[in-house]
């Protein structure tokens, strides 16, 4: 399976969600694919603490050993039992056991990590992670750059706002759904793009021939994405 890589190092100038992306090419397997603020309000020193507020504070402290923190979700993305994990310096993502991770020598130089699904000796699915693939100052700019790696003639769906797990809680990202035809097979693709903890662009891309990856497994892959 050949999936175009994102190779444009410049900041995209405009978005075109729902339209056809620009063409791209790469070696085999070259796909692309802040947390909530906390703190108390001003303290006047003249209003006594209400008992109810004190009780809430006490409950929060009591459960601190069970949760990452009161009002802050720092839970990593869920990795289903028996699944593997693609790990990079900025992003991790789980993959079903039927996928085989590629070594550095096997995967495209554009990919920080990749795994493939094969059937009868042919690649029918791929998960890839790309890091710092384009200059982006926002999640939207990263998503525009990710769309540039989708081959000309693909059918693009409207971008959707999603969230992924991170060290400071959930953080926003963009999901791009698309389809294209390759060697007579219809391929369904999804890219989740955004900015990592260092404010650099990242993209996790999943491509699979129709019928080779169930919607449930696709959802689990996306839900497992975690910024490190």
Protein backbone atom coordinates (compact mmCIF):
# COMPACT_ATOMS: atom_id res chain seq x y z
CA UNK A 1 0.00 0.00 0.00
CA UNK A 2 1.42 3.36 -1.05
CA UNK A 3 0.28 6.35 0.97
CA UNK A 4 1.56 9.84 0.08
CA UNK A 5 3.77 11.51 2.66
CA UNK A 6 3.50 15.04 3.91
CA UNK A 7 6.64 16.72 2.69
CA UNK A 8 5.77 20.42 2.62
CA UNK A 9 7.87 22.18 5.30
CA UNK A 10 6.15 25.54 4.92
CA UNK A 11 3.14 26.91 6.73
CA UNK A 12 -0.09 26.36 4.77
CA UNK A 13 -1.89 29.53 3.73
CA UNK A 14 -5.50 28.44 3.47
CA UNK A 15 -7.90 25.63 4.35
CA UNK A 16 -10.20 23.75 2.03
CA UNK A 17 -12.11 21.26 4.13
CA UNK A 18 -14.35 19.04 2.06
CA UNK A 19 -12.32 19.62 -1.10
CA UNK A 20 -9.71 17.57 -2.92
CA UNK A 21 -6.18 17.62 -1.45
CA UNK A 22 -2.99 18.12 -3.43
CA UNK A 23 -0.98 15.24 -4.82
CA UNK A 24 1.97 13.67 -3.07
CA UNK A 25 4.42 10.84 -3.50
CA UNK A 26 6.92 9.01 -1.37
CA UNK A 27 8.77 5.72 -0.98
CA UNK A 28 6.64 2.68 -0.07
CA UNK A 29 4.83 3.13 3.23
CA UNK A 30 5.17 6.92 3.38
CA UNK A 31 1.84 7.84 4.89
CA UNK A 32 1.18 10.69 7.26
CA UNK A 33 -0.50 9.85 8.37
CA UNK A 34 -2.11 22.67 26.94
CA UNK A 35 -4.42 21.32 29.11
CA UNK A 36 -7.26 23.02 30.88
CA UNK A 37 -6.28 25.93 33.01
CA UNK A 38 -6.69 25.54 36.72
CA UNK A 39 -6.55 27.79 39.72
CA UNK A 40 -8.77 29.62 42.18
CA UNK A 41 -10.40 32.98 41.66
CA UNK A 42 -9.45 36.19 43.54
CA UNK A 43 -9.48 35.94 47.27
CA UNK A 44 -10.87 38.94 49.18
CA UNK A 45 -10.05 37.70 52.68
CA UNK A 46 -13.45 39.00 53.89
CA UNK A 47 -15.81 36.19 52.95
CA UNK A 48 -15.55 33.06 55.12
CA UNK A 49 -15.29 29.74 53.35
CA UNK A 50 -18.64 28.09 53.02
CA UNK A 51 -18.95 24.61 54.56
CA UNK A 52 -20.12 23.17 51.23
CA UNK A 53 -17.03 24.46 49.45
CA UNK A 54 -14.81 23.06 52.18
CA UNK A 55 -16.54 19.69 51.84
CA UNK A 56 -15.94 19.61 48.11
CA UNK A 57 -12.27 20.42 48.68
CA UNK A 58 -12.02 17.60 51.21
CA UNK A 59 -13.63 15.11 48.84
CA UNK A 60 -11.25 16.16 46.08
CA UNK A 61 -8.27 15.58 48.34
CA UNK A 62 -9.61 12.21 49.42
CA UNK A 63 -9.82 10.83 45.91
CA UNK A 64 -6.52 12.24 44.66
CA UNK A 65 -4.97 8.77 44.87
CA UNK A 66 -7.62 7.41 42.52
CA UNK A 67 -7.63 10.08 39.84
CA UNK A 68 -5.01 12.24 38.19
CA UNK A 69 -6.41 15.40 39.80
CA UNK A 70 -9.60 17.25 40.56
CA UNK A 71 -11.08 18.60 37.34
CA UNK A 72 -8.08 17.59 35.17
CA UNK A 73 -8.00 14.52 32.92
CA UNK A 74 -4.42 13.32 32.58
CA UNK A 75 -5.31 9.74 31.68
CA UNK A 76 -3.38 8.34 28.73
CA UNK A 77 -5.20 6.99 25.72
CA UNK A 78 -6.59 3.50 26.25
CA UNK A 79 -4.57 0.60 24.80
CA UNK A 80 -6.85 -2.44 24.36
CA UNK A 81 -5.64 -5.72 25.85
CA UNK A 82 -3.44 -7.66 23.47
CA UNK A 83 -2.71 -4.68 21.21
CA UNK A 84 0.74 -3.31 20.42
CA UNK A 85 1.91 0.29 20.62
CA UNK A 86 3.79 2.52 18.20
CA UNK A 87 5.98 4.83 20.26
CA UNK A 88 7.71 8.02 19.11
CA UNK A 89 9.32 10.91 20.95
CA UNK A 90 6.07 12.90 20.94
CA UNK A 91 3.12 10.61 20.18
CA UNK A 92 2.08 7.02 20.90
CA UNK A 93 -0.74 5.07 19.25
CA UNK A 94 -2.00 1.52 19.69
CA UNK A 95 -2.42 -0.96 16.86
CA UNK A 96 -4.40 -4.22 16.57
CA UNK A 97 -2.33 -7.40 16.99
CA UNK A 98 -2.74 -8.24 13.28
CA UNK A 99 -0.63 -5.19 12.38
CA UNK A 100 3.15 -5.63 12.23
CA UNK A 101 5.39 -2.69 13.22
CA UNK A 102 8.02 -1.67 10.67
CA UNK A 103 11.64 -1.22 11.64
CA UNK A 104 13.49 2.02 10.90
CA UNK A 105 14.97 0.36 7.83
CA UNK A 106 11.58 -0.80 6.53
CA UNK A 107 9.49 2.32 6.95
CA UNK A 108 9.60 5.53 4.95
CA UNK A 109 12.04 8.16 6.15
CA UNK A 110 9.05 10.47 6.58
CA UNK A 111 7.52 8.24 9.25
CA UNK A 112 8.56 8.21 12.90
CA UNK A 113 6.66 4.93 13.32
CA UNK A 114 4.56 2.61 11.15
CA UNK A 115 2.74 -0.72 11.21
CA UNK A 116 1.20 -2.69 8.35
CA UNK A 117 -1.65 -5.16 7.92
CA UNK A 118 -1.06 -7.81 5.24
CA UNK A 119 -3.30 -10.31 3.50
CA UNK A 120 -1.96 -12.97 1.11
CA UNK A 121 1.38 -11.18 1.04
CA UNK A 122 -0.12 -7.78 0.16
CA UNK A 123 -0.42 -4.70 2.35
CA UNK A 124 -4.09 -3.95 2.98
CA UNK A 125 -3.72 -1.56 5.91
CA UNK A 126 -1.22 0.82 7.46
CA UNK A 127 -0.86 3.05 10.53
CA UNK A 128 1.78 5.77 10.41
CA UNK A 129 2.99 8.60 12.64
CA UNK A 130 4.71 11.70 11.30
CA UNK A 131 6.28 14.39 13.46
CA UNK A 132 7.07 18.03 12.67
CA UNK A 133 5.96 17.50 9.06
CA UNK A 134 5.00 21.14 8.49
CA UNK A 135 5.44 24.53 10.16
CA UNK A 136 2.22 25.18 12.07
CA UNK A 137 1.23 27.63 14.77
CA UNK A 138 -2.18 26.08 15.38
CA UNK A 139 -4.07 22.83 15.20
CA UNK A 140 -5.94 24.09 12.14
CA UNK A 141 -2.68 24.79 10.30
CA UNK A 142 -1.41 21.31 11.14
CA UNK A 143 -4.62 19.84 9.72
CA UNK A 144 -4.28 21.86 6.52
CA UNK A 145 -0.74 20.56 6.14
CA UNK A 146 -1.96 17.01 6.70
CA UNK A 147 -4.53 17.38 3.93
CA UNK A 148 -1.67 18.18 1.55
CA UNK A 149 -0.52 14.57 1.90
CA UNK A 150 -3.80 13.17 0.60
CA UNK A 151 -3.54 12.14 -3.04
CA UNK A 152 -5.23 14.10 -5.80
CA UNK A 153 -8.62 12.63 -6.65
CA UNK A 154 -9.42 11.46 -3.12
CA UNK A 155 -12.84 12.10 -1.65
CA UNK A 156 -12.44 14.36 1.38
CA UNK A 157 -14.95 14.68 4.20
CA UNK A 158 -15.38 17.73 6.40
CA UNK A 159 -12.82 18.07 9.18
CA UNK A 160 -14.02 17.28 12.68
CA UNK A 161 -12.80 18.57 16.04
CA UNK A 162 -11.58 15.79 18.33
CA UNK A 163 -9.49 15.49 21.48
CA UNK A 164 -6.50 13.31 22.31
CA UNK A 165 -4.86 12.47 25.62
CA UNK A 166 -1.84 14.45 26.78
CA UNK A 167 0.35 15.12 29.80
CA UNK A 168 -1.86 18.02 30.88
CA UNK A 169 -5.22 16.49 30.02
CA UNK A 170 -7.25 16.33 26.84
CA UNK A 171 -6.02 18.53 23.99
CA UNK A 172 -7.68 19.45 20.72
CA UNK A 173 -6.89 17.89 17.36
CA UNK A 174 -8.54 17.58 13.96
CA UNK A 175 -9.85 14.42 12.30
CA UNK A 176 -9.83 14.18 8.51
CA UNK A 177 -11.71 11.32 6.80
CA UNK A 178 -11.14 10.48 3.14
CA UNK A 179 -11.29 7.70 0.57
CA UNK A 180 -9.33 6.89 -2.56
CA UNK A 181 -8.90 4.04 -5.04
CA UNK A 182 -5.62 2.17 -5.42
CA UNK A 183 -5.11 -0.73 -7.83
CA UNK A 184 -8.85 -1.33 -7.98
CA UNK A 185 -9.33 -1.35 -4.21
CA UNK A 186 -11.22 1.34 -2.35
CA UNK A 187 -9.14 2.61 0.57
CA UNK A 188 -10.61 4.33 3.60
CA UNK A 189 -8.30 6.76 5.39
CA UNK A 190 -8.34 8.83 8.58
CA UNK A 191 -5.79 11.39 9.76
CA UNK A 192 -5.69 12.87 13.25
CA UNK A 193 -3.47 15.97 13.23
CA UNK A 194 -2.53 18.62 15.76
CA UNK A 195 0.30 20.08 17.81
CA UNK A 196 2.29 17.96 20.24
CA UNK A 197 3.48 18.99 23.71
CA UNK A 198 6.39 20.91 22.13
CA UNK A 199 3.93 22.75 19.83
CA UNK A 200 5.23 20.89 16.78
CA UNK A 201 2.94 19.35 14.19
CA UNK A 202 2.09 15.66 14.28
CA UNK A 203 -0.19 13.40 12.26
CA UNK A 204 -1.43 9.88 12.87
CA UNK A 205 -2.78 8.30 9.69
CA UNK A 206 -4.73 5.06 9.28
CA UNK A 207 -5.33 3.58 5.81
CA UNK A 208 -7.13 0.30 5.16
CA UNK A 209 -8.85 -1.41 2.26
CA UNK A 210 -12.58 -1.45 2.81
CA UNK A 211 -13.62 -4.40 4.94
CA UNK A 212 -10.13 -4.96 6.37
CA UNK A 213 -10.44 -2.77 9.48
CA UNK A 214 -13.67 -2.58 11.44
CA UNK A 215 -15.10 0.73 12.63
CA UNK A 216 -14.71 -0.45 16.22
CA UNK A 217 -10.98 -1.06 15.83
CA UNK A 218 -10.58 2.26 14.01
CA UNK A 219 -12.21 4.04 16.93
CA UNK A 220 -9.93 2.24 19.40
CA UNK A 221 -6.86 3.30 17.41
CA UNK A 222 -7.94 6.93 17.46
CA UNK A 223 -8.88 6.81 21.15
CA UNK A 224 -5.43 5.43 21.99
CA UNK A 225 -3.51 8.43 20.59
CA UNK A 226 -1.51 10.02 23.39
CA UNK A 227 0.85 13.00 23.40
CA UNK A 228 3.90 12.44 25.60
